[in-house]
Amino acid sequence: MLVGAGVRLSNAQNELLAFVKEYKVPIVYSLMGKDAISEEYTIQYGSYWCLWQ
């Protein structure tokens, strides 16, 4: 799942964390979405810009 600034703008950080924890969804994030999810969630692959460089 790609996490971006929309999560922050809609104040949906808690809902996102609950969803990805329940379904064990791996995430990547944009630069604007980096702080949208807690570092306690361990299935993170970092920024998607880094994946294609």
Protein backbone atom coordinates (compact mmCIF):
# COMPACT_ATOMS: atom_id res chain seq x y z
CA MET A 1 0.00 0.00 0.00
CA LEU A 2 1.29 3.44 -0.89
CA VAL A 3 0.84 5.89 1.98
CA GLY A 4 0.92 9.58 1.13
CA ALA A 5 0.01 13.02 2.37
CA GLY A 6 -3.72 12.28 2.07
CA VAL A 7 -3.52 10.19 5.23
CA ARG A 8 -2.15 13.15 7.16
CA LEU A 9 -4.50 15.70 5.58
CA SER A 10 -7.54 13.62 6.55
CA ASN A 11 -6.15 12.81 10.01
CA ALA A 12 -6.50 9.10 9.30
CA GLN A 13 -3.24 7.89 10.86
CA ASN A 14 -4.95 5.79 13.53
CA GLU A 15 -7.36 4.21 11.04
CA LEU A 16 -4.50 3.42 8.67
CA LEU A 17 -2.45 1.79 11.42
CA ALA A 18 -5.42 -0.29 12.57
CA PHE A 19 -6.14 -1.43 8.99
CA VAL A 20 -2.59 -2.41 8.06
CA LYS A 21 -2.03 -4.19 11.38
CA GLU A 22 -5.22 -6.21 11.05
CA TYR A 23 -4.59 -7.28 7.44
CA LYS A 24 -0.75 -7.28 7.64
CA VAL A 25 -0.45 -5.02 4.61
CA PRO A 26 3.11 -4.04 3.62
CA ILE A 27 3.51 -0.33 2.96
CA VAL A 28 5.74 2.13 1.19
CA TYR A 29 5.33 5.85 1.66
CA SER A 30 5.83 9.05 -0.26
CA LEU A 31 8.01 11.79 1.14
CA MET A 32 4.90 13.63 2.37
CA GLY A 33 3.50 10.47 3.94
CA LYS A 34 6.61 9.38 5.80
CA ASP A 35 5.29 10.32 9.22
CA ALA A 36 1.73 9.13 8.51
CA ILE A 37 2.34 5.75 10.13
CA SER A 38 4.08 4.83 13.34
CA GLU A 39 7.52 3.25 13.26
CA GLU A 40 6.09 0.47 15.46
CA TYR A 41 4.59 -1.03 12.30
CA THR A 42 7.31 -3.36 11.06
CA ILE A 43 6.18 -4.20 7.51
CA GLN A 44 7.50 -0.96 5.98
CA TYR A 45 9.73 -0.82 2.94
CA GLY A 46 10.58 2.87 3.12
CA SER A 47 10.08 5.56 0.53
CA TYR A 48 8.91 4.42 -2.89
CA TRP A 49 11.36 6.85 -4.52
CA CYS A 50 14.23 4.71 -3.19
CA LEU A 51 12.80 1.50 -4.62
CA TRP A 52 13.20 2.56 -8.24
CA GLN A 53 16.53 4.34 -8.09
